[in-house]
PDB file of N, CA and C in Angstrom:
ATOM      1  N   UNK A   1     149.663  48.187 108.673  1.00  0.00           N
ATOM      2  CA  UNK A   1     150.134  49.087 109.711  1.00  0.00           C
ATOM      3  C   UNK A   1     148.931  49.586 110.502  1.00  0.00           C
ATOM      4  N   UNK A   2     149.134  49.735 111.783  1.00  0.00           N
ATOM      5  CA  UNK A   2     148.074  50.194 112.665  1.00  0.00           C
ATOM      6  C   UNK A   2     148.181  51.704 112.850  1.00  0.00           C
ATOM      7  N   UNK A   3     147.021  52.376 112.734  1.00  0.00           N
ATOM      8  CA  UNK A   3     147.012  53.839 112.825  1.00  0.00           C
ATOM      9  C   UNK A   3     147.430  54.315 114.211  1.00  0.00           C
ATOM     10  N   UNK A   4     147.014  53.629 115.266  1.00  0.00           N
ATOM     11  CA  UNK A   4     147.357  54.101 116.608  1.00  0.00           C
ATOM     12  C   UNK A   4     148.850  53.969 116.869  1.00  0.00           C
ATOM     13  N   UNK A   5     149.496  52.971 116.264  1.00  0.00           N
ATOM     14  CA  UNK A   5     150.954  52.856 116.413  1.00  0.00           C
ATOM     15  C   UNK A   5     151.668  53.961 115.640  1.00  0.00           C
ATOM     16  N   UNK A   6     151.129  54.310 114.473  1.00  0.00           N
ATOM     17  CA  UNK A   6     151.706  55.428 113.720  1.00  0.00           C
ATOM     18  C   UNK A   6     151.629  56.720 114.535  1.00  0.00           C
ATOM     19  N   UNK A   7     150.493  56.964 115.152  1.00  0.00           N
ATOM     20  CA  UNK A   7     150.324  58.169 115.969  1.00  0.00           C
ATOM     21  C   UNK A   7     151.276  58.135 117.172  1.00  0.00           C
ATOM     22  N   UNK A   8     151.393  56.977 117.816  1.00  0.00           N
ATOM     23  CA  UNK A   8     152.298  56.845 118.965  1.00  0.00           C
ATOM     24  C   UNK A   8     153.726  57.189 118.569  1.00  0.00           C
ATOM     25  N   UNK A   9     154.200  56.603 117.488  1.00  0.00           N
ATOM     26  CA  UNK A   9     155.586  56.840 117.075  1.00  0.00           C
ATOM     27  C   UNK A   9     155.776  58.263 116.558  1.00  0.00           C
ATOM     28  N   UNK A  10     154.749  58.836 115.916  1.00  0.00           N
ATOM     29  CA  UNK A  10     154.854  60.222 115.465  1.00  0.00           C
ATOM     30  C   UNK A  10     154.992  61.158 116.665  1.00  0.00           C
ATOM     31  N   UNK A  11     154.174  60.954 117.688  1.00  0.00           N
ATOM     32  CA  UNK A  11     154.249  61.794 118.896  1.00  0.00           C
ATOM     33  C   UNK A  11     155.582  61.597 119.609  1.00  0.00           C
ATOM     34  N   UNK A  12     156.045  60.347 119.693  1.00  0.00           N
ATOM     35  CA  UNK A  12     157.339  60.083 120.325  1.00  0.00           C
ATOM     36  C   UNK A  12     158.461  60.805 119.583  1.00  0.00           C
ATOM     37  N   UNK A  13     158.469  60.691 118.268  1.00  0.00           N
ATOM     38  CA  UNK A  13     159.487  61.378 117.471  1.00  0.00           C
ATOM     39  C   UNK A  13     159.386  62.884 117.586  1.00  0.00           C
ATOM     40  N   UNK A  14     158.156  63.410 117.613  1.00  0.00           N
ATOM     41  CA  UNK A  14     157.976  64.857 117.733  1.00  0.00           C
ATOM     42  C   UNK A  14     158.511  65.377 119.063  1.00  0.00           C
ATOM     43  N   UNK A  15     158.257  64.634 120.140  1.00  0.00           N
ATOM     44  CA  UNK A  15     158.776  65.065 121.445  1.00  0.00           C
ATOM     45  C   UNK A  15     160.302  64.996 121.486  1.00  0.00           C
ATOM     46  N   UNK A  16     160.872  63.953 120.895  1.00  0.00           N
ATOM     47  CA  UNK A  16     162.340  63.854 120.859  1.00  0.00           C
ATOM     48  C   UNK A  16     162.940  64.966 120.000  1.00  0.00           C
ATOM     49  N   UNK A  17     162.352  65.206 118.844  1.00  0.00           N
ATOM     50  CA  UNK A  17     162.858  66.271 117.972  1.00  0.00           C
ATOM     51  C   UNK A  17     162.732  67.641 118.607  1.00  0.00           C
ATOM     52  N   UNK A  18     161.590  67.889 119.236  1.00  0.00           N
ATOM     53  CA  UNK A  18     161.397  69.165 119.925  1.00  0.00           C
ATOM     54  C   UNK A  18     162.387  69.299 121.069  1.00  0.00           C
ATOM     55  N   UNK A  19     162.590  68.222 121.794  1.00  0.00           N
ATOM     56  CA  UNK A  19     163.530  68.257 122.908  1.00  0.00           C
ATOM     57  C   UNK A  19     164.948  68.543 122.469  1.00  0.00           C
ATOM     58  N   UNK A  20     165.376  67.910 121.381  1.00  0.00           N
ATOM     59  CA  UNK A  20     166.750  68.143 120.911  1.00  0.00           C
ATOM     60  C   UNK A  20     166.916  69.521 120.282  1.00  0.00           C
ATOM     61  N   UNK A  21     165.905  70.003 119.591  1.00  0.00           N
ATOM     62  CA  UNK A  21     166.053  71.307 118.940  1.00  0.00           C
ATOM     63  C   UNK A  21     165.952  72.458 119.931  1.00  0.00           C
ATOM     64  N   UNK A  22     165.273  72.256 121.040  1.00  0.00           N
ATOM     65  CA  UNK A  22     165.074  73.320 122.016  1.00  0.00           C
ATOM     66  C   UNK A  22     165.887  73.124 123.293  1.00  0.00           C
ATOM     67  N   UNK A  23     166.734  72.122 123.342  1.00  0.00           N
ATOM     68  CA  UNK A  23     167.410  71.767 124.588  1.00  0.00           C
ATOM     69  C   UNK A  23     168.338  72.864 125.105  1.00  0.00           C
ATOM     70  N   UNK A  24     168.978  73.600 124.230  1.00  0.00           N
ATOM     71  CA  UNK A  24     169.948  74.599 124.674  1.00  0.00           C
ATOM     72  C   UNK A  24     169.287  75.759 125.404  1.00  0.00           C
ATOM     73  N   UNK A  25     168.062  76.090 125.034  1.00  0.00           N
ATOM     74  CA  UNK A  25     167.352  77.155 125.714  1.00  0.00           C
ATOM     75  C   UNK A  25     166.426  76.583 126.777  1.00  0.00           C
ATOM     76  N   UNK A  26     166.011  77.430 127.693  1.00  0.00           N
ATOM     77  CA  UNK A  26     165.069  76.978 128.711  1.00  0.00           C
ATOM     78  C   UNK A  26     163.685  77.123 128.101  1.00  0.00           C
ATOM     79  N   UNK A  27     163.177  76.036 127.556  1.00  0.00           N
ATOM     80  CA  UNK A  27     161.890  76.078 126.881  1.00  0.00           C
ATOM     81  C   UNK A  27     161.257  74.695 126.923  1.00  0.00           C
ATOM     82  N   UNK A  28     160.464  74.380 125.927  1.00  0.00           N
ATOM     83  CA  UNK A  28     159.745  73.112 125.884  1.00  0.00           C
ATOM     84  C   UNK A  28     160.665  71.901 125.814  1.00  0.00           C
ATOM     85  N   UNK A  29     161.892  72.096 125.384  1.00  0.00           N
ATOM     86  CA  UNK A  29     162.824  70.985 125.282  1.00  0.00           C
ATOM     87  C   UNK A  29     163.143  70.334 126.609  1.00  0.00           C
ATOM     88  N   UNK A  30     163.034  71.103 127.682  1.00  0.00           N
ATOM     89  CA  UNK A  30     163.301  70.562 129.009  1.00  0.00           C
ATOM     90  C   UNK A  30     162.298  69.462 129.347  1.00  0.00           C
ATOM     91  N   UNK A  31     161.076  69.594 128.864  1.00  0.00           N
ATOM     92  CA  UNK A  31     160.051  68.588 129.117  1.00  0.00           C
ATOM     93  C   UNK A  31     159.933  67.577 127.986  1.00  0.00           C
ATOM     94  N   UNK A  32     160.124  68.025 126.754  1.00  0.00           N
ATOM     95  CA  UNK A  32     159.925  67.152 125.596  1.00  0.00           C
ATOM     96  C   UNK A  32     160.910  66.007 125.511  1.00  0.00           C
ATOM     97  N   UNK A  33     162.160  66.269 125.779  1.00  0.00           N
ATOM     98  CA  UNK A  33     163.180  65.229 125.643  1.00  0.00           C
ATOM     99  C   UNK A  33     163.008  64.092 126.660  1.00  0.00           C
ATOM    100  N   UNK A  34     162.831  64.362 127.936  1.00  0.00           N
ATOM    101  CA  UNK A  34     162.647  63.241 128.866  1.00  0.00           C
ATOM    102  C   UNK A  34     161.372  62.437 128.601  1.00  0.00           C
ATOM    103  N   UNK A  35     160.282  63.131 128.285  1.00  0.00           N
ATOM    104  CA  UNK A  35     159.038  62.417 127.982  1.00  0.00           C
ATOM    105  C   UNK A  35     159.206  61.581 126.718  1.00  0.00           C
ATOM    106  N   UNK A  36     159.856  62.146 125.708  1.00  0.00           N
ATOM    107  CA  UNK A  36     160.111  61.406 124.478  1.00  0.00           C
ATOM    108  C   UNK A  36     160.997  60.191 124.705  1.00  0.00           C
ATOM    109  N   UNK A  37     161.999  60.329 125.566  1.00  0.00           N
ATOM    110  CA  UNK A  37     162.867  59.182 125.861  1.00  0.00           C
ATOM    111  C   UNK A  37     162.111  58.065 126.567  1.00  0.00           C
ATOM    112  N   UNK A  38     161.232  58.419 127.485  1.00  0.00           N
ATOM    113  CA  UNK A  38     160.421  57.405 128.159  1.00  0.00           C
ATOM    114  C   UNK A  38     159.517  56.703 127.157  1.00  0.00           C
ATOM    115  N   UNK A  39     158.857  57.468 126.292  1.00  0.00           N
ATOM    116  CA  UNK A  39     158.004  56.864 125.263  1.00  0.00           C
ATOM    117  C   UNK A  39     158.812  55.998 124.308  1.00  0.00           C
ATOM    118  N   UNK A  40     160.027  56.416 123.990  1.00  0.00           N
ATOM    119  CA  UNK A  40     160.886  55.626 123.105  1.00  0.00           C
ATOM    120  C   UNK A  40     161.227  54.280 123.740  1.00  0.00           C
ATOM    121  N   UNK A  41     161.602  54.284 125.000  1.00  0.00           N
ATOM    122  CA  UNK A  41     161.955  53.039 125.682  1.00  0.00           C
ATOM    123  C   UNK A  41     160.749  52.104 125.763  1.00  0.00           C
ATOM    124  N   UNK A  42     159.599  52.658 126.136  1.00  0.00           N
ATOM    125  CA  UNK A  42     158.384  51.835 126.206  1.00  0.00           C
ATOM    126  C   UNK A  42     158.040  51.279 124.829  1.00  0.00           C
ATOM    127  N   UNK A  43     158.103  52.125 123.823  1.00  0.00           N
ATOM    128  CA  UNK A  43     157.757  51.690 122.473  1.00  0.00           C
ATOM    129  C   UNK A  43     158.699  50.647 121.908  1.00  0.00           C
ATOM    130  N   UNK A  44     159.989  50.760 122.219  1.00  0.00           N
ATOM    131  CA  UNK A  44     160.945  49.781 121.698  1.00  0.00           C
ATOM    132  C   UNK A  44     160.698  48.394 122.277  1.00  0.00           C
ATOM    133  N   UNK A  45     160.219  48.335 123.502  1.00  0.00           N
ATOM    134  CA  UNK A  45     159.937  47.038 124.105  1.00  0.00           C
ATOM    135  C   UNK A  45     158.544  46.523 123.756  1.00  0.00           C
ATOM    136  N   UNK A  46     157.568  47.412 123.642  1.00  0.00           N
ATOM    137  CA  UNK A  46     156.181  46.978 123.487  1.00  0.00           C
ATOM    138  C   UNK A  46     155.655  47.039 122.057  1.00  0.00           C
ATOM    139  N   UNK A  47     156.135  47.969 121.238  1.00  0.00           N
ATOM    140  CA  UNK A  47     155.511  48.196 119.933  1.00  0.00           C
ATOM    141  C   UNK A  47     156.509  48.290 118.792  1.00  0.00           C
ATOM    142  N   UNK A  48     157.330  47.301 118.676  1.00  0.00           N
ATOM    143  CA  UNK A  48     158.236  47.292 117.527  1.00  0.00           C
ATOM    144  C   UNK A  48     157.463  46.905 116.287  1.00  0.00           C
ATOM    145  N   UNK A  49     157.862  47.446 115.177  1.00  0.00           N
ATOM    146  CA  UNK A  49     157.202  47.122 113.922  1.00  0.00           C
ATOM    147  C   UNK A  49     157.502  48.167 112.874  1.00  0.00           C
ATOM    148  N   UNK A  50     156.862  48.037 111.734  1.00  0.00           N
ATOM    149  CA  UNK A  50     157.138  48.975 110.645  1.00  0.00           C
ATOM    150  C   UNK A  50     156.672  50.395 110.938  1.00  0.00           C
ATOM    151  N   UNK A  51     155.783  50.560 111.918  1.00  0.00           N
ATOM    152  CA  UNK A  51     155.295  51.896 112.246  1.00  0.00           C
ATOM    153  C   UNK A  51     156.360  52.767 112.894  1.00  0.00           C
ATOM    154  N   UNK A  52     157.450  52.166 113.320  1.00  0.00           N
ATOM    155  CA  UNK A  52     158.542  52.896 113.963  1.00  0.00           C
ATOM    156  C   UNK A  52     159.074  54.021 113.071  1.00  0.00           C
ATOM    157  N   UNK A  53     158.957  53.860 111.776  1.00  0.00           N
ATOM    158  CA  UNK A  53     159.455  54.862 110.828  1.00  0.00           C
ATOM    159  C   UNK A  53     158.715  56.190 110.999  1.00  0.00           C
ATOM    160  N   UNK A  54     157.482  56.158 111.484  1.00  0.00           N
ATOM    161  CA  UNK A  54     156.732  57.398 111.706  1.00  0.00           C
ATOM    162  C   UNK A  54     157.419  58.269 112.753  1.00  0.00           C
ATOM    163  N   UNK A  55     158.223  57.677 113.621  1.00  0.00           N
ATOM    164  CA  UNK A  55     158.972  58.463 114.599  1.00  0.00           C
ATOM    165  C   UNK A  55     159.980  59.384 113.944  1.00  0.00           C
ATOM    166  N   UNK A  56     160.549  58.955 112.837  1.00  0.00           N
ATOM    167  CA  UNK A  56     161.499  59.801 112.104  1.00  0.00           C
ATOM    168  C   UNK A  56     160.769  60.999 111.513  1.00  0.00           C
ATOM    169  N   UNK A  57     159.567  60.769 110.998  1.00  0.00           N
ATOM    170  CA  UNK A  57     158.779  61.876 110.440  1.00  0.00           C
ATOM    171  C   UNK A  57     158.458  62.878 111.545  1.00  0.00           C
ATOM    172  N   UNK A  58     157.997  62.387 112.687  1.00  0.00           N
ATOM    173  CA  UNK A  58     157.689  63.280 113.799  1.00  0.00           C
ATOM    174  C   UNK A  58     158.913  63.995 114.331  1.00  0.00           C
ATOM    175  N   UNK A  59     160.057  63.284 114.347  1.00  0.00           N
ATOM    176  CA  UNK A  59     161.307  63.868 114.825  1.00  0.00           C
ATOM    177  C   UNK A  59     161.677  65.106 114.017  1.00  0.00           C
ATOM    178  N   UNK A  60     161.404  65.078 112.732  1.00  0.00           N
ATOM    179  CA  UNK A  60     161.747  66.224 111.902  1.00  0.00           C
ATOM    180  C   UNK A  60     160.628  67.234 111.735  1.00  0.00           C
ATOM    181  N   UNK A  61     159.370  66.769 111.768  1.00  0.00           N
ATOM    182  CA  UNK A  61     158.246  67.633 111.399  1.00  0.00           C
ATOM    183  C   UNK A  61     157.980  68.751 112.404  1.00  0.00           C
ATOM    184  N   UNK A  62     157.882  68.443 113.675  1.00  0.00           N
ATOM    185  CA  UNK A  62     157.557  69.472 114.662  1.00  0.00           C
ATOM    186  C   UNK A  62     158.657  70.532 114.778  1.00  0.00           C
ATOM    187  N   UNK A  63     159.934  70.156 114.876  1.00  0.00           N
ATOM    188  CA  UNK A  63     160.960  71.201 114.898  1.00  0.00           C
ATOM    189  C   UNK A  63     160.998  72.033 113.620  1.00  0.00           C
ATOM    190  N   UNK A  64     160.736  71.397 112.473  1.00  0.00           N
ATOM    191  CA  UNK A  64     160.705  72.159 111.221  1.00  0.00           C
ATOM    192  C   UNK A  64     159.607  73.201 111.263  1.00  0.00           C
ATOM    193  N   UNK A  65     158.427  72.810 111.728  1.00  0.00           N
ATOM    194  CA  UNK A  65     157.331  73.777 111.833  1.00  0.00           C
ATOM    195  C   UNK A  65     157.675  74.928 112.768  1.00  0.00           C
ATOM    196  N   UNK A  66     158.341  74.630 113.875  1.00  0.00           N
ATOM    197  CA  UNK A  66     158.724  75.695 114.803  1.00  0.00           C
ATOM    198  C   UNK A  66     159.777  76.625 114.210  1.00  0.00           C
ATOM    199  N   UNK A  67     160.748  76.064 113.506  1.00  0.00           N
ATOM    200  CA  UNK A  67     161.767  76.907 112.869  1.00  0.00           C
ATOM    201  C   UNK A  67     161.145  77.787 111.779  1.00  0.00           C
ATOM    202  N   UNK A  68     160.260  77.222 110.971  1.00  0.00           N
ATOM    203  CA  UNK A  68     159.610  78.007 109.916  1.00  0.00           C
ATOM    204  C   UNK A  68     158.729  79.089 110.536  1.00  0.00           C
ATOM    205  N   UNK A  69     158.034  78.759 111.613  1.00  0.00           N
ATOM    206  CA  UNK A  69     157.232  79.759 112.311  1.00  0.00           C
ATOM    207  C   UNK A  69     158.109  80.907 112.814  1.00  0.00           C
ATOM    208  N   UNK A  70     159.266  80.576 113.358  1.00  0.00           N
ATOM    209  CA  UNK A  70     160.178  81.621 113.849  1.00  0.00           C
ATOM    210  C   UNK A  70     160.704  82.475 112.706  1.00  0.00           C
ATOM    211  N   UNK A  71     160.971  81.862 111.575  1.00  0.00           N
ATOM    212  CA  UNK A  71     161.475  82.621 110.420  1.00  0.00           C
ATOM    213  C   UNK A  71     160.412  83.572 109.895  1.00  0.00           C
ATOM    214  N   UNK A  72     159.181  83.096 109.801  1.00  0.00           N
ATOM    215  CA  UNK A  72     158.106  83.890 109.206  1.00  0.00           C
ATOM    216  C   UNK A  72     157.575  84.949 110.170  1.00  0.00           C
ATOM    217  N   UNK A  73     157.484  84.642 111.439  1.00  0.00           N
ATOM    218  CA  UNK A  73     156.779  85.509 112.383  1.00  0.00           C
ATOM    219  C   UNK A  73     157.622  86.598 113.027  1.00  0.00           C
ATOM    220  N   UNK A  74     158.890  86.344 113.228  1.00  0.00           N
ATOM    221  CA  UNK A  74     159.702  87.274 114.000  1.00  0.00           C
ATOM    222  C   UNK A  74     160.772  87.905 113.121  1.00  0.00           C
ATOM    223  N   UNK A  75     161.189  89.105 113.476  1.00  0.00           N
ATOM    224  CA  UNK A  75     162.293  89.711 112.732  1.00  0.00           C
ATOM    225  C   UNK A  75     163.569  88.885 112.889  1.00  0.00           C
ATOM    226  N   UNK A  76     164.421  88.898 111.884  1.00  0.00           N
ATOM    227  CA  UNK A  76     165.634  88.073 111.949  1.00  0.00           C
ATOM    228  C   UNK A  76     166.537  88.464 113.115  1.00  0.00           C
ATOM    229  N   UNK A  77     166.848  87.514 113.990  1.00  0.00           N
ATOM    230  CA  UNK A  77     167.783  87.808 115.093  1.00  0.00           C
ATOM    231  C   UNK A  77     169.227  87.730 114.614  1.00  0.00           C
ATOM    232  N   UNK A  78     170.135  87.856 115.558  1.00  0.00           N
ATOM    233  CA  UNK A  78     171.558  87.809 115.222  1.00  0.00           C
ATOM    234  C   UNK A  78     171.997  86.418 114.784  1.00  0.00           C
ATOM    235  N   UNK A  79     171.281  85.421 115.194  1.00  0.00           N
ATOM    236  CA  UNK A  79     171.662  84.039 114.872  1.00  0.00           C
ATOM    237  C   UNK A  79     170.765  83.475 113.770  1.00  0.00           C
ATOM    238  N   UNK A  80     170.611  84.238 112.706  1.00  0.00           N
ATOM    239  CA  UNK A  80     169.740  83.828 111.605  1.00  0.00           C
ATOM    240  C   UNK A  80     170.214  82.519 111.006  1.00  0.00           C
ATOM    241  N   UNK A  81     171.503  82.340 110.885  1.00  0.00           N
ATOM    242  CA  UNK A  81     172.006  81.125 110.255  1.00  0.00           C
ATOM    243  C   UNK A  81     171.609  79.886 111.037  1.00  0.00           C
ATOM    244  N   UNK A  82     171.568  79.971 112.368  1.00  0.00           N
ATOM    245  CA  UNK A  82     171.147  78.827 113.178  1.00  0.00           C
ATOM    246  C   UNK A  82     169.703  78.437 112.871  1.00  0.00           C
ATOM    247  N   UNK A  83     168.836  79.428 112.732  1.00  0.00           N
ATOM    248  CA  UNK A  83     167.430  79.150 112.471  1.00  0.00           C
ATOM    249  C   UNK A  83     167.254  78.554 111.080  1.00  0.00           C
ATOM    250  N   UNK A  84     167.928  79.107 110.082  1.00  0.00           N
ATOM    251  CA  UNK A  84     167.810  78.579 108.723  1.00  0.00           C
ATOM    252  C   UNK A  84     168.416  77.182 108.611  1.00  0.00           C
ATOM    253  N   UNK A  85     169.563  76.977 109.223  1.00  0.00           N
ATOM    254  CA  UNK A  85     170.194  75.650 109.182  1.00  0.00           C
ATOM    255  C   UNK A  85     169.322  74.635 109.921  1.00  0.00           C
ATOM    256  N   UNK A  86     168.763  75.026 111.048  1.00  0.00           N
ATOM    257  CA  UNK A  86     167.866  74.131 111.779  1.00  0.00           C
ATOM    258  C   UNK A  86     166.657  73.745 110.960  1.00  0.00           C
ATOM    259  N   UNK A  87     166.065  74.714 110.274  1.00  0.00           N
ATOM    260  CA  UNK A  87     164.909  74.416 109.436  1.00  0.00           C
ATOM    261  C   UNK A  87     165.286  73.472 108.297  1.00  0.00           C
ATOM    262  N   UNK A  88     166.451  73.684 107.688  1.00  0.00           N
ATOM    263  CA  UNK A  88     166.874  72.817 106.584  1.00  0.00           C
ATOM    264  C   UNK A  88     167.212  71.407 107.055  1.00  0.00           C
ATOM    265  N   UNK A  89     167.898  71.296 108.176  1.00  0.00           N
ATOM    266  CA  UNK A  89     168.285  69.970 108.678  1.00  0.00           C
ATOM    267  C   UNK A  89     167.059  69.165 109.084  1.00  0.00           C
ATOM    268  N   UNK A  90     166.198  69.763 109.888  1.00  0.00           N
ATOM    269  CA  UNK A  90     165.011  69.041 110.324  1.00  0.00           C
ATOM    270  C   UNK A  90     164.039  68.814 109.165  1.00  0.00           C
ATOM    271  N   UNK A  91     164.011  69.720 108.204  1.00  0.00           N
ATOM    272  CA  UNK A  91     163.199  69.496 107.005  1.00  0.00           C
ATOM    273  C   UNK A  91     163.701  68.307 106.206  1.00  0.00           C
ATOM    274  N   UNK A  92     165.015  68.169 106.090  1.00  0.00           N
ATOM    275  CA  UNK A  92     165.584  67.012 105.385  1.00  0.00           C
ATOM    276  C   UNK A  92     165.279  65.713 106.127  1.00  0.00           C
ATOM    277  N   UNK A  93     165.303  65.751 107.452  1.00  0.00           N
ATOM    278  CA  UNK A  93     164.944  64.567 108.239  1.00  0.00           C
ATOM    279  C   UNK A  93     163.484  64.199 107.994  1.00  0.00           C
ATOM    280  N   UNK A  94     162.622  65.194 107.929  1.00  0.00           N
ATOM    281  CA  UNK A  94     161.205  64.937 107.665  1.00  0.00           C
ATOM    282  C   UNK A  94     161.007  64.304 106.294  1.00  0.00           C
ATOM    283  N   UNK A  95     161.659  64.829 105.281  1.00  0.00           N
ATOM    284  CA  UNK A  95     161.526  64.272 103.930  1.00  0.00           C
ATOM    285  C   UNK A  95     162.058  62.843 103.879  1.00  0.00           C
ATOM    286  N   UNK A  96     163.190  62.605 104.506  1.00  0.00           N
ATOM    287  CA  UNK A  96     163.744  61.245 104.536  1.00  0.00           C
ATOM    288  C   UNK A  96     162.795  60.292 105.266  1.00  0.00           C
ATOM    289  N   UNK A  97     162.192  60.749 106.345  1.00  0.00           N
ATOM    290  CA  UNK A  97     161.226  59.926 107.066  1.00  0.00           C
ATOM    291  C   UNK A  97     159.981  59.639 106.244  1.00  0.00           C
ATOM    292  N   UNK A  98     159.512  60.630 105.485  1.00  0.00           N
ATOM    293  CA  UNK A  98     158.348  60.409 104.626  1.00  0.00           C
ATOM    294  C   UNK A  98     158.651  59.409 103.523  1.00  0.00           C
ATOM    295  N   UNK A  99     159.844  59.495 102.945  1.00  0.00           N
ATOM    296  CA  UNK A  99     160.236  58.524 101.915  1.00  0.00           C
ATOM    297  C   UNK A  99     160.317  57.125 102.516  1.00  0.00           C
ATOM    298  N   UNK A 100     160.937  57.002 103.672  1.00  0.00           N
ATOM    299  CA  UNK A 100     161.043  55.695 104.330  1.00  0.00           C
ATOM    300  C   UNK A 100     159.668  55.154 104.700  1.00  0.00           C
ATOM    301  N   UNK A 101     158.781  56.023 105.176  1.00  0.00           N
ATOM    302  CA  UNK A 101     157.438  55.591 105.528  1.00  0.00           C
ATOM    303  C   UNK A 101     156.679  55.111 104.292  1.00  0.00           C
ATOM    304  N   UNK A 102     156.857  55.807 103.180  1.00  0.00           N
ATOM    305  CA  UNK A 102     156.231  55.370 101.929  1.00  0.00           C
ATOM    306  C   UNK A 102     156.752  54.015 101.479  1.00  0.00           C
ATOM    307  N   UNK A 103     158.053  53.796 101.602  1.00  0.00           N
ATOM    308  CA  UNK A 103     158.627  52.508 101.217  1.00  0.00           C
ATOM    309  C   UNK A 103     158.136  51.380 102.127  1.00  0.00           C
ATOM    310  N   UNK A 104     158.051  51.657 103.424  1.00  0.00           N
ATOM    311  CA  UNK A 104     157.558  50.642 104.356  1.00  0.00           C
ATOM    312  C   UNK A 104     156.093  50.350 104.084  1.00  0.00           C
ATOM    313  N   UNK A 105     155.305  51.389 103.838  1.00  0.00           N
ATOM    314  CA  UNK A 105     153.884  51.208 103.558  1.00  0.00           C
ATOM    315  C   UNK A 105     153.696  50.390 102.286  1.00  0.00           C
ATOM    316  N   UNK A 106     154.481  50.692 101.285  1.00  0.00           N
ATOM    317  CA  UNK A 106     154.374  49.965 100.020  1.00  0.00           C
ATOM    318  C   UNK A 106     154.783  48.503 100.205  1.00  0.00           C
ATOM    319  N   UNK A 107     155.802  48.256 101.001  1.00  0.00           N
ATOM    320  CA  UNK A 107     156.253  46.886 101.235  1.00  0.00           C
ATOM    321  C   UNK A 107     155.212  46.083 102.012  1.00  0.00           C
ATOM    322  N   UNK A 108     154.526  46.721 102.951  1.00  0.00           N
ATOM    323  CA  UNK A 108     153.503  46.008 103.727  1.00  0.00           C
ATOM    324  C   UNK A 108     152.228  45.776 102.912  1.00  0.00           C
ATOM    325  N   UNK A 109     152.043  46.513 101.849  1.00  0.00           N
ATOM    326  CA  UNK A 109     150.875  46.345 100.994  1.00  0.00           C
ATOM    327  C   UNK A 109     151.101  45.316  99.902  1.00  0.00           C
ATOM    328  N   UNK A 110     152.255  44.700  99.890  1.00  0.00           N
ATOM    329  CA  UNK A 110     152.537  43.648  98.917  1.00  0.00           C
ATOM    330  C   UNK A 110     153.479  44.055  97.812  1.00  0.00           C
ATOM    331  N   UNK A 111     153.903  45.309  97.792  1.00  0.00           N
ATOM    332  CA  UNK A 111     154.856  45.760  96.791  1.00  0.00           C
ATOM    333  C   UNK A 111     156.271  45.427  97.213  1.00  0.00           C
ATOM    334  N   UNK A 112     157.211  45.763  96.363  1.00  0.00           N
ATOM    335  CA  UNK A 112     158.605  45.453  96.672  1.00  0.00           C
ATOM    336  C   UNK A 112     159.205  46.451  97.657  1.00  0.00           C
ATOM    337  N   UNK A 113     158.580  47.602  97.790  1.00  0.00           N
ATOM    338  CA  UNK A 113     159.128  48.632  98.679  1.00  0.00           C
ATOM    339  C   UNK A 113     160.011  49.607  97.928  1.00  0.00           C
ATOM    340  N   UNK A 114     160.599  49.168  96.860  1.00  0.00           N
ATOM    341  CA  UNK A 114     161.434  50.040  96.038  1.00  0.00           C
ATOM    342  C   UNK A 114     160.899  50.009  94.613  1.00  0.00           C
ATOM    343  N   UNK A 115     160.885  51.167  93.984  1.00  0.00           N
ATOM    344  CA  UNK A 115     160.417  51.239  92.607  1.00  0.00           C
ATOM    345  C   UNK A 115     161.548  50.830  91.677  1.00  0.00           C
ATOM    346  N   UNK A 116     161.365  49.752  90.985  1.00  0.00           N
ATOM    347  CA  UNK A 116     162.385  49.275  90.048  1.00  0.00           C
ATOM    348  C   UNK A 116     161.813  49.296  88.653  1.00  0.00           C
ATOM    349  N   UNK A 117     162.686  49.536  87.681  1.00  0.00           N
ATOM    350  CA  UNK A 117     162.212  49.548  86.290  1.00  0.00           C
ATOM    351  C   UNK A 117     162.867  48.472  85.491  1.00  0.00           C
TER     352      UNK A 117
END
């Protein structure tokens, strides 16, 4: 796997995740989603490969960090459940992406990709 492709897909996923998590409010989502979509289209045509899984990690990681920052830094607003659910959903996406990335990395290194006993 190439490191620059991992970074590209991580940034693409982070912009898409930020765009979707912030789209309802007038914030960074207005810019993140269109830029992420352009990067996604370019990447799907130019850089397909196992590094694509890093986009899932980025998709979940940046929104999770923002939700956790909001939980820790600010007093609980009226929509506390939205913030907690958002953190849990995007956190689960991040964990699933990390597991998939580990399996892809292991498969490209000559392993089976799945741990069997």
